[in-house]
Structure formats: C-alpha cells, structure tokens
PDB file of N, CA and C in Angstrom:
ATOM      1  N   UNK A   1     114.516  56.752  79.160  1.00  0.00           N
ATOM      2  CA  UNK A   1     113.498  57.422  79.900  1.00  0.00           C
ATOM      3  C   UNK A   1     113.318  58.849  79.398  1.00  0.00           C
ATOM      4  N   UNK A   2     112.181  59.277  79.180  1.00  0.00           N
ATOM      5  CA  UNK A   2     111.888  60.608  78.620  1.00  0.00           C
ATOM      6  C   UNK A   2     112.399  61.723  79.525  1.00  0.00           C
ATOM      7  N   UNK A   3     112.384  61.575  80.821  1.00  0.00           N
ATOM      8  CA  UNK A   3     112.866  62.636  81.661  1.00  0.00           C
ATOM      9  C   UNK A   3     114.376  62.827  81.586  1.00  0.00           C
ATOM     10  N   UNK A   4     115.094  61.846  81.163  1.00  0.00           N
ATOM     11  CA  UNK A   4     116.543  61.906  81.063  1.00  0.00           C
ATOM     12  C   UNK A   4     116.994  62.642  79.772  1.00  0.00           C
ATOM     13  N   UNK A   5     116.115  62.689  78.771  1.00  0.00           N
ATOM     14  CA  UNK A   5     116.553  63.284  77.507  1.00  0.00           C
ATOM     15  C   UNK A   5     117.002  64.764  77.614  1.00  0.00           C
ATOM     16  N   UNK A   6     116.308  65.625  78.374  1.00  0.00           N
ATOM     17  CA  UNK A   6     116.810  67.000  78.500  1.00  0.00           C
ATOM     18  C   UNK A   6     118.155  67.094  79.122  1.00  0.00           C
ATOM     19  N   UNK A   7     118.457  66.230  80.106  1.00  0.00           N
ATOM     20  CA  UNK A   7     119.707  66.245  80.752  1.00  0.00           C
ATOM     21  C   UNK A   7     120.785  65.732  79.813  1.00  0.00           C
ATOM     22  N   UNK A   8     120.527  64.729  79.077  1.00  0.00           N
ATOM     23  CA  UNK A   8     121.468  64.167  78.104  1.00  0.00           C
ATOM     24  C   UNK A   8     121.770  65.195  77.068  1.00  0.00           C
ATOM     25  N   UNK A   9     120.755  65.965  76.609  1.00  0.00           N
ATOM     26  CA  UNK A   9     120.956  67.020  75.638  1.00  0.00           C
ATOM     27  C   UNK A   9     121.916  68.073  76.185  1.00  0.00           C
ATOM     28  N   UNK A  10     121.704  68.459  77.426  1.00  0.00           N
ATOM     29  CA  UNK A  10     122.609  69.474  78.064  1.00  0.00           C
ATOM     30  C   UNK A  10     124.050  68.921  78.207  1.00  0.00           C
ATOM     31  N   UNK A  11     124.213  67.660  78.601  1.00  0.00           N
ATOM     32  CA  UNK A  11     125.513  67.091  78.761  1.00  0.00           C
ATOM     33  C   UNK A  11     126.273  66.994  77.416  1.00  0.00           C
ATOM     34  N   UNK A  12     125.523  66.589  76.397  1.00  0.00           N
ATOM     35  CA  UNK A  12     126.138  66.503  75.044  1.00  0.00           C
ATOM     36  C   UNK A  12     126.510  67.893  74.575  1.00  0.00           C
ATOM     37  N   UNK A  13     125.672  68.897  74.781  1.00  0.00           N
ATOM     38  CA  UNK A  13     125.986  70.246  74.366  1.00  0.00           C
ATOM     39  C   UNK A  13     127.241  70.796  75.099  1.00  0.00           C
ATOM     40  N   UNK A  14     127.473  70.303  76.319  1.00  0.00           N
ATOM     41  CA  UNK A  14     128.642  70.735  77.101  1.00  0.00           C
ATOM     42  C   UNK A  14     129.907  69.997  76.620  1.00  0.00           C
ATOM     43  N   UNK A  15     129.782  69.021  75.678  1.00  0.00           N
ATOM     44  CA  UNK A  15     130.925  68.330  75.166  1.00  0.00           C
ATOM     45  C   UNK A  15     131.212  67.000  75.885  1.00  0.00           C
ATOM     46  N   UNK A  16     130.268  66.512  76.699  1.00  0.00           N
ATOM     47  CA  UNK A  16     130.473  65.242  77.386  1.00  0.00           C
ATOM     48  C   UNK A  16     129.930  64.108  76.523  1.00  0.00           C
ATOM     49  N   UNK A  17     130.544  62.936  76.617  1.00  0.00           N
ATOM     50  CA  UNK A  17     130.104  61.778  75.884  1.00  0.00           C
ATOM     51  C   UNK A  17     128.947  61.067  76.687  1.00  0.00           C
ATOM     52  N   UNK A  18     127.827  60.918  76.024  1.00  0.00           N
ATOM     53  CA  UNK A  18     126.709  60.249  76.686  1.00  0.00           C
ATOM     54  C   UNK A  18     126.328  58.977  75.982  1.00  0.00           C
ATOM     55  N   UNK A  19     126.886  58.727  74.805  1.00  0.00           N
ATOM     56  CA  UNK A  19     126.561  57.506  74.030  1.00  0.00           C
ATOM     57  C   UNK A  19     127.684  56.505  74.240  1.00  0.00           C
ATOM     58  N   UNK A  20     127.415  55.366  74.869  1.00  0.00           N
ATOM     59  CA  UNK A  20     128.442  54.331  75.105  1.00  0.00           C
ATOM     60  C   UNK A  20     129.055  53.810  73.796  1.00  0.00           C
ATOM     61  N   UNK A  21     128.389  53.996  72.679  1.00  0.00           N
ATOM     62  CA  UNK A  21     128.914  53.526  71.380  1.00  0.00           C
ATOM     63  C   UNK A  21     129.778  54.566  70.693  1.00  0.00           C
ATOM     64  N   UNK A  22     129.982  55.714  71.306  1.00  0.00           N
ATOM     65  CA  UNK A  22     130.777  56.789  70.749  1.00  0.00           C
ATOM     66  C   UNK A  22     132.267  56.358  70.681  1.00  0.00           C
ATOM     67  N   UNK A  23     133.020  56.721  69.649  1.00  0.00           N
ATOM     68  CA  UNK A  23     134.403  56.439  69.633  1.00  0.00           C
ATOM     69  C   UNK A  23     135.191  57.154  70.699  1.00  0.00           C
ATOM     70  N   UNK A  24     134.547  58.151  71.322  1.00  0.00           N
ATOM     71  CA  UNK A  24     135.156  58.923  72.443  1.00  0.00           C
ATOM     72  C   UNK A  24     134.998  58.240  73.759  1.00  0.00           C
ATOM     73  N   UNK A  25     134.138  57.274  73.878  1.00  0.00           N
ATOM     74  CA  UNK A  25     133.916  56.588  75.130  1.00  0.00           C
ATOM     75  C   UNK A  25     135.157  55.900  75.570  1.00  0.00           C
ATOM     76  N   UNK A  26     135.709  56.153  76.746  1.00  0.00           N
ATOM     77  CA  UNK A  26     136.890  55.544  77.272  1.00  0.00           C
ATOM     78  C   UNK A  26     138.190  56.248  76.886  1.00  0.00           C
ATOM     79  N   UNK A  27     138.104  57.388  76.171  1.00  0.00           N
ATOM     80  CA  UNK A  27     139.313  58.094  75.800  1.00  0.00           C
ATOM     81  C   UNK A  27     139.579  59.158  76.843  1.00  0.00           C
ATOM     82  N   UNK A  28     140.788  59.122  77.415  1.00  0.00           N
ATOM     83  CA  UNK A  28     141.188  60.172  78.411  1.00  0.00           C
ATOM     84  C   UNK A  28     142.611  60.613  78.064  1.00  0.00           C
ATOM     85  N   UNK A  29     142.978  61.720  78.696  1.00  0.00           N
ATOM     86  CA  UNK A  29     144.330  62.270  78.431  1.00  0.00           C
ATOM     87  C   UNK A  29     144.775  63.086  79.628  1.00  0.00           C
ATOM     88  N   UNK A  30     146.057  63.195  79.762  1.00  0.00           N
ATOM     89  CA  UNK A  30     146.647  64.107  80.750  1.00  0.00           C
ATOM     90  C   UNK A  30     146.565  65.504  80.146  1.00  0.00           C
ATOM     91  N   UNK A  31     147.045  66.543  80.845  1.00  0.00           N
ATOM     92  CA  UNK A  31     147.045  67.879  80.402  1.00  0.00           C
ATOM     93  C   UNK A  31     147.849  68.064  79.096  1.00  0.00           C
ATOM     94  N   UNK A  32     148.972  67.431  79.044  1.00  0.00           N
ATOM     95  CA  UNK A  32     149.851  67.558  77.855  1.00  0.00           C
ATOM     96  C   UNK A  32     150.297  68.973  77.649  1.00  0.00           C
ATOM     97  N   UNK A  33     150.888  69.220  76.486  1.00  0.00           N
ATOM     98  CA  UNK A  33     151.308  70.519  76.053  1.00  0.00           C
ATOM     99  C   UNK A  33     150.096  71.327  75.676  1.00  0.00           C
ATOM    100  N   UNK A  34     150.001  72.607  75.886  1.00  0.00           N
ATOM    101  CA  UNK A  34     150.983  73.476  76.519  1.00  0.00           C
ATOM    102  C   UNK A  34     150.779  73.544  78.029  1.00  0.00           C
ATOM    103  N   UNK A  35     149.870  72.765  78.611  1.00  0.00           N
ATOM    104  CA  UNK A  35     149.508  72.845  80.013  1.00  0.00           C
ATOM    105  C   UNK A  35     150.551  72.260  80.959  1.00  0.00           C
ATOM    106  N   UNK A  36     151.462  71.431  80.466  1.00  0.00           N
ATOM    107  CA  UNK A  36     152.444  70.765  81.352  1.00  0.00           C
ATOM    108  C   UNK A  36     153.835  70.907  80.745  1.00  0.00           C
ATOM    109  N   UNK A  37     154.732  71.433  81.540  1.00  0.00           N
ATOM    110  CA  UNK A  37     156.131  71.623  81.067  1.00  0.00           C
ATOM    111  C   UNK A  37     156.844  70.357  80.798  1.00  0.00           C
ATOM    112  N   UNK A  38     156.447  69.229  81.382  1.00  0.00           N
ATOM    113  CA  UNK A  38     157.140  67.942  81.171  1.00  0.00           C
ATOM    114  C   UNK A  38     156.648  67.172  79.965  1.00  0.00           C
ATOM    115  N   UNK A  39     155.473  67.585  79.473  1.00  0.00           N
ATOM    116  CA  UNK A  39     154.881  66.885  78.328  1.00  0.00           C
ATOM    117  C   UNK A  39     155.707  67.014  77.031  1.00  0.00           C
ATOM    118  N   UNK A  40     155.764  65.932  76.306  1.00  0.00           N
ATOM    119  CA  UNK A  40     156.487  65.961  75.033  1.00  0.00           C
ATOM    120  C   UNK A  40     155.612  66.162  73.833  1.00  0.00           C
ATOM    121  N   UNK A  41     154.218  66.259  74.088  1.00  0.00           N
ATOM    122  CA  UNK A  41     153.312  66.425  72.992  1.00  0.00           C
ATOM    123  C   UNK A  41     151.999  67.069  73.465  1.00  0.00           C
ATOM    124  N   UNK A  42     151.235  67.582  72.555  1.00  0.00           N
ATOM    125  CA  UNK A  42     149.899  68.050  72.798  1.00  0.00           C
ATOM    126  C   UNK A  42     149.009  66.820  72.693  1.00  0.00           C
ATOM    127  N   UNK A  43     148.931  66.046  73.727  1.00  0.00           N
ATOM    128  CA  UNK A  43     148.231  64.780  73.711  1.00  0.00           C
ATOM    129  C   UNK A  43     146.753  64.905  73.443  1.00  0.00           C
ATOM    130  N   UNK A  44     146.119  65.975  73.922  1.00  0.00           N
ATOM    131  CA  UNK A  44     144.693  66.121  73.684  1.00  0.00           C
ATOM    132  C   UNK A  44     144.415  66.326  72.196  1.00  0.00           C
ATOM    133  N   UNK A  45     145.252  67.133  71.548  1.00  0.00           N
ATOM    134  CA  UNK A  45     145.073  67.363  70.061  1.00  0.00           C
ATOM    135  C   UNK A  45     145.338  66.023  69.304  1.00  0.00           C
ATOM    136  N   UNK A  46     146.413  65.334  69.777  1.00  0.00           N
ATOM    137  CA  UNK A  46     146.755  64.058  69.069  1.00  0.00           C
ATOM    138  C   UNK A  46     145.640  63.026  69.271  1.00  0.00           C
ATOM    139  N   UNK A  47     145.087  62.959  70.463  1.00  0.00           N
ATOM    140  CA  UNK A  47     143.969  62.029  70.725  1.00  0.00           C
ATOM    141  C   UNK A  47     142.790  62.371  69.864  1.00  0.00           C
ATOM    142  N   UNK A  48     142.482  63.679  69.772  1.00  0.00           N
ATOM    143  CA  UNK A  48     141.371  64.112  68.972  1.00  0.00           C
ATOM    144  C   UNK A  48     141.561  63.702  67.506  1.00  0.00           C
ATOM    145  N   UNK A  49     142.714  63.940  66.997  1.00  0.00           N
ATOM    146  CA  UNK A  49     143.050  63.602  65.600  1.00  0.00           C
ATOM    147  C   UNK A  49     142.926  62.105  65.345  1.00  0.00           C
ATOM    148  N   UNK A  50     143.417  61.280  66.292  1.00  0.00           N
ATOM    149  CA  UNK A  50     143.353  59.850  66.099  1.00  0.00           C
ATOM    150  C   UNK A  50     141.909  59.323  66.214  1.00  0.00           C
ATOM    151  N   UNK A  51     141.139  59.845  67.117  1.00  0.00           N
ATOM    152  CA  UNK A  51     139.736  59.407  67.217  1.00  0.00           C
ATOM    153  C   UNK A  51     138.960  59.816  65.950  1.00  0.00           C
ATOM    154  N   UNK A  52     139.177  61.045  65.506  1.00  0.00           N
ATOM    155  CA  UNK A  52     138.437  61.545  64.356  1.00  0.00           C
ATOM    156  C   UNK A  52     138.869  60.814  63.105  1.00  0.00           C
ATOM    157  N   UNK A  53     140.132  60.370  62.998  1.00  0.00           N
ATOM    158  CA  UNK A  53     140.629  59.640  61.830  1.00  0.00           C
ATOM    159  C   UNK A  53     140.263  58.113  61.916  1.00  0.00           C
ATOM    160  N   UNK A  54     139.875  57.660  63.124  1.00  0.00           N
ATOM    161  CA  UNK A  54     139.585  56.252  63.304  1.00  0.00           C
ATOM    162  C   UNK A  54     140.813  55.420  63.472  1.00  0.00           C
ATOM    163  N   UNK A  55     141.919  56.013  63.865  1.00  0.00           N
ATOM    164  CA  UNK A  55     143.184  55.312  64.039  1.00  0.00           C
ATOM    165  C   UNK A  55     143.545  55.063  65.521  1.00  0.00           C
ATOM    166  N   UNK A  56     142.730  55.480  66.421  1.00  0.00           N
ATOM    167  CA  UNK A  56     143.019  55.242  67.872  1.00  0.00           C
ATOM    168  C   UNK A  56     142.759  53.799  68.200  1.00  0.00           C
ATOM    169  N   UNK A  57     143.534  53.220  69.137  1.00  0.00           N
ATOM    170  CA  UNK A  57     143.276  51.854  69.570  1.00  0.00           C
ATOM    171  C   UNK A  57     141.872  51.682  70.104  1.00  0.00           C
ATOM    172  N   UNK A  58     141.330  50.531  69.980  1.00  0.00           N
ATOM    173  CA  UNK A  58     139.996  50.213  70.384  1.00  0.00           C
ATOM    174  C   UNK A  58     140.028  48.947  71.244  1.00  0.00           C
ATOM    175  N   UNK A  59     138.916  48.687  71.942  1.00  0.00           N
ATOM    176  CA  UNK A  59     138.789  47.496  72.720  1.00  0.00           C
ATOM    177  C   UNK A  59     138.900  47.718  74.204  1.00  0.00           C
ATOM    178  N   UNK A  60     139.829  48.558  74.576  1.00  0.00           N
ATOM    179  CA  UNK A  60     140.068  48.940  76.002  1.00  0.00           C
ATOM    180  C   UNK A  60     140.021  50.482  76.090  1.00  0.00           C
ATOM    181  N   UNK A  61     139.750  51.004  77.289  1.00  0.00           N
ATOM    182  CA  UNK A  61     139.958  52.446  77.403  1.00  0.00           C
ATOM    183  C   UNK A  61     141.346  52.878  76.962  1.00  0.00           C
ATOM    184  N   UNK A  62     141.477  54.025  76.444  1.00  0.00           N
ATOM    185  CA  UNK A  62     142.798  54.548  75.940  1.00  0.00           C
ATOM    186  C   UNK A  62     143.093  55.806  76.632  1.00  0.00           C
ATOM    187  N   UNK A  63     144.243  55.891  77.288  1.00  0.00           N
ATOM    188  CA  UNK A  63     144.717  57.096  77.962  1.00  0.00           C
ATOM    189  C   UNK A  63     145.964  57.631  77.289  1.00  0.00           C
ATOM    190  N   UNK A  64     145.912  58.853  76.906  1.00  0.00           N
ATOM    191  CA  UNK A  64     147.004  59.536  76.165  1.00  0.00           C
ATOM    192  C   UNK A  64     147.832  60.279  77.257  1.00  0.00           C
ATOM    193  N   UNK A  65     149.145  60.054  77.306  1.00  0.00           N
ATOM    194  CA  UNK A  65     149.999  60.731  78.254  1.00  0.00           C
ATOM    195  C   UNK A  65     151.203  61.352  77.606  1.00  0.00           C
ATOM    196  N   UNK A  66     151.589  62.538  78.143  1.00  0.00           N
ATOM    197  CA  UNK A  66     152.690  63.273  77.539  1.00  0.00           C
ATOM    198  C   UNK A  66     154.061  62.984  78.047  1.00  0.00           C
ATOM    199  N   UNK A  67     154.139  62.202  79.131  1.00  0.00           N
ATOM    200  CA  UNK A  67     155.478  61.858  79.672  1.00  0.00           C
ATOM    201  C   UNK A  67     155.392  60.620  80.528  1.00  0.00           C
ATOM    202  N   UNK A  68     156.530  60.197  81.067  1.00  0.00           N
ATOM    203  CA  UNK A  68     156.616  58.980  81.878  1.00  0.00           C
ATOM    204  C   UNK A  68     155.857  59.039  83.186  1.00  0.00           C
ATOM    205  N   UNK A  69     155.476  60.247  83.613  1.00  0.00           N
ATOM    206  CA  UNK A  69     154.734  60.365  84.910  1.00  0.00           C
ATOM    207  C   UNK A  69     153.285  59.759  84.779  1.00  0.00           C
ATOM    208  N   UNK A  70     152.755  59.770  83.568  1.00  0.00           N
ATOM    209  CA  UNK A  70     151.441  59.131  83.275  1.00  0.00           C
ATOM    210  C   UNK A  70     150.317  59.694  84.151  1.00  0.00           C
ATOM    211  N   UNK A  71     150.295  61.002  84.271  1.00  0.00           N
ATOM    212  CA  UNK A  71     149.282  61.658  85.078  1.00  0.00           C
ATOM    213  C   UNK A  71     147.860  61.338  84.566  1.00  0.00           C
ATOM    214  N   UNK A  72     146.928  61.162  85.512  1.00  0.00           N
ATOM    215  CA  UNK A  72     145.518  60.971  85.200  1.00  0.00           C
ATOM    216  C   UNK A  72     145.156  59.585  84.674  1.00  0.00           C
ATOM    217  N   UNK A  73     146.021  58.642  84.748  1.00  0.00           N
ATOM    218  CA  UNK A  73     145.771  57.302  84.223  1.00  0.00           C
ATOM    219  C   UNK A  73     144.580  56.669  84.962  1.00  0.00           C
ATOM    220  N   UNK A  74     143.638  56.076  84.214  1.00  0.00           N
ATOM    221  CA  UNK A  74     142.503  55.431  84.883  1.00  0.00           C
ATOM    222  C   UNK A  74     142.935  54.130  85.563  1.00  0.00           C
ATOM    223  N   UNK A  75     142.118  53.742  86.488  1.00  0.00           N
ATOM    224  CA  UNK A  75     142.332  52.415  87.151  1.00  0.00           C
ATOM    225  C   UNK A  75     141.865  51.345  86.193  1.00  0.00           C
ATOM    226  N   UNK A  76     142.370  50.168  86.436  1.00  0.00           N
ATOM    227  CA  UNK A  76     141.925  49.006  85.632  1.00  0.00           C
ATOM    228  C   UNK A  76     142.743  48.934  84.344  1.00  0.00           C
ATOM    229  N   UNK A  77     142.375  47.902  83.545  1.00  0.00           N
ATOM    230  CA  UNK A  77     143.086  47.653  82.258  1.00  0.00           C
ATOM    231  C   UNK A  77     142.763  48.776  81.302  1.00  0.00           C
ATOM    232  N   UNK A  78     143.797  49.225  80.639  1.00  0.00           N
ATOM    233  CA  UNK A  78     143.671  50.255  79.603  1.00  0.00           C
ATOM    234  C   UNK A  78     144.923  50.275  78.757  1.00  0.00           C
ATOM    235  N   UNK A  79     144.827  50.948  77.665  1.00  0.00           N
ATOM    236  CA  UNK A  79     145.979  51.111  76.765  1.00  0.00           C
ATOM    237  C   UNK A  79     146.470  52.528  76.987  1.00  0.00           C
ATOM    238  N   UNK A  80     147.792  52.688  77.032  1.00  0.00           N
ATOM    239  CA  UNK A  80     148.363  54.024  77.138  1.00  0.00           C
ATOM    240  C   UNK A  80     149.050  54.375  75.817  1.00  0.00           C
ATOM    241  N   UNK A  81     148.821  55.605  75.398  1.00  0.00           N
ATOM    242  CA  UNK A  81     149.551  56.137  74.274  1.00  0.00           C
ATOM    243  C   UNK A  81     150.536  57.131  74.895  1.00  0.00           C
ATOM    244  N   UNK A  82     151.766  56.658  75.058  1.00  0.00           N
ATOM    245  CA  UNK A  82     152.817  57.441  75.769  1.00  0.00           C
ATOM    246  C   UNK A  82     153.632  58.235  74.742  1.00  0.00           C
ATOM    247  N   UNK A  83     153.633  59.537  74.911  1.00  0.00           N
ATOM    248  CA  UNK A  83     154.420  60.413  74.044  1.00  0.00           C
ATOM    249  C   UNK A  83     155.907  60.193  74.368  1.00  0.00           C
ATOM    250  N   UNK A  84     156.711  60.065  73.293  1.00  0.00           N
ATOM    251  CA  UNK A  84     158.166  59.924  73.438  1.00  0.00           C
ATOM    252  C   UNK A  84     158.760  60.918  72.477  1.00  0.00           C
ATOM    253  N   UNK A  85     160.094  61.029  72.489  1.00  0.00           N
ATOM    254  CA  UNK A  85     160.781  61.948  71.572  1.00  0.00           C
ATOM    255  C   UNK A  85     160.623  61.495  70.147  1.00  0.00           C
ATOM    256  N   UNK A  86     160.255  60.229  69.930  1.00  0.00           N
ATOM    257  CA  UNK A  86     160.132  59.694  68.571  1.00  0.00           C
ATOM    258  C   UNK A  86     158.703  59.467  68.182  1.00  0.00           C
ATOM    259  N   UNK A  87     157.698  59.978  68.887  1.00  0.00           N
ATOM    260  CA  UNK A  87     156.313  59.725  68.592  1.00  0.00           C
ATOM    261  C   UNK A  87     155.610  59.064  69.750  1.00  0.00           C
ATOM    262  N   UNK A  88     154.711  58.198  69.487  1.00  0.00           N
ATOM    263  CA  UNK A  88     153.930  57.526  70.575  1.00  0.00           C
ATOM    264  C   UNK A  88     154.316  56.061  70.641  1.00  0.00           C
ATOM    265  N   UNK A  89     154.407  55.609  71.929  1.00  0.00           N
ATOM    266  CA  UNK A  89     154.605  54.203  72.224  1.00  0.00           C
ATOM    267  C   UNK A  89     153.317  53.682  72.814  1.00  0.00           C
ATOM    268  N   UNK A  90     152.847  52.586  72.269  1.00  0.00           N
ATOM    269  CA  UNK A  90     151.593  51.930  72.785  1.00  0.00           C
ATOM    270  C   UNK A  90     151.970  51.018  73.934  1.00  0.00           C
ATOM    271  N   UNK A  91     151.446  51.247  75.119  1.00  0.00           N
ATOM    272  CA  UNK A  91     151.736  50.541  76.316  1.00  0.00           C
ATOM    273  C   UNK A  91     150.445  49.855  76.795  1.00  0.00           C
ATOM    274  N   UNK A  92     150.497  48.489  76.895  1.00  0.00           N
ATOM    275  CA  UNK A  92     149.302  47.744  77.350  1.00  0.00           C
ATOM    276  C   UNK A  92     149.559  47.177  78.691  1.00  0.00           C
TER     277      UNK A  92
END
C-alpha cells in the first residue's frame, strides 16, 4: 500500500526490520555485556557479527543470551545461542 511506504521508510531508518525476508527477522538478544553483570558475552555484538557473516542459525527465531537466566526469550519455538565460558551453546 502506498500510504504505508513513508511509515516503513521511517521504521527502517530507525533501525527496525520491516522486511520479513531480512536475515535480521526473528533475531533477538538479551542485554548482554556490558549492560548485564551476569552476562558472559556481548551477545548483541556477537549476534550482529553472525548475522552479517551469514553464520547465524536459520529456520526458527534465534535468541542470543548471555547467561543461564535467558532474559528476554521469545515465546514459542526458537533457537537459543547461550553464552558459556567456552563460547556459545546452541539450545533448541
């Protein structure tokens, strides 16, 4: 719809994903480092690097978490990239 285009342009300019085909669609993360003292990693930076490199899991929404508390996890089926002392553990 033509009337939606200006709104979509504003949302995209604000950094929000509006294209369902975007590799960012379905990617979420907790605060991670440095925003959370319990986090073992800067999950937002690691998620960004994985999406940009094309190495992030696909098929289901992916939630990156910095510790076992798993803050901000979406409802429903998803993949978790859980930060550990040894890197990331993929949890399905």
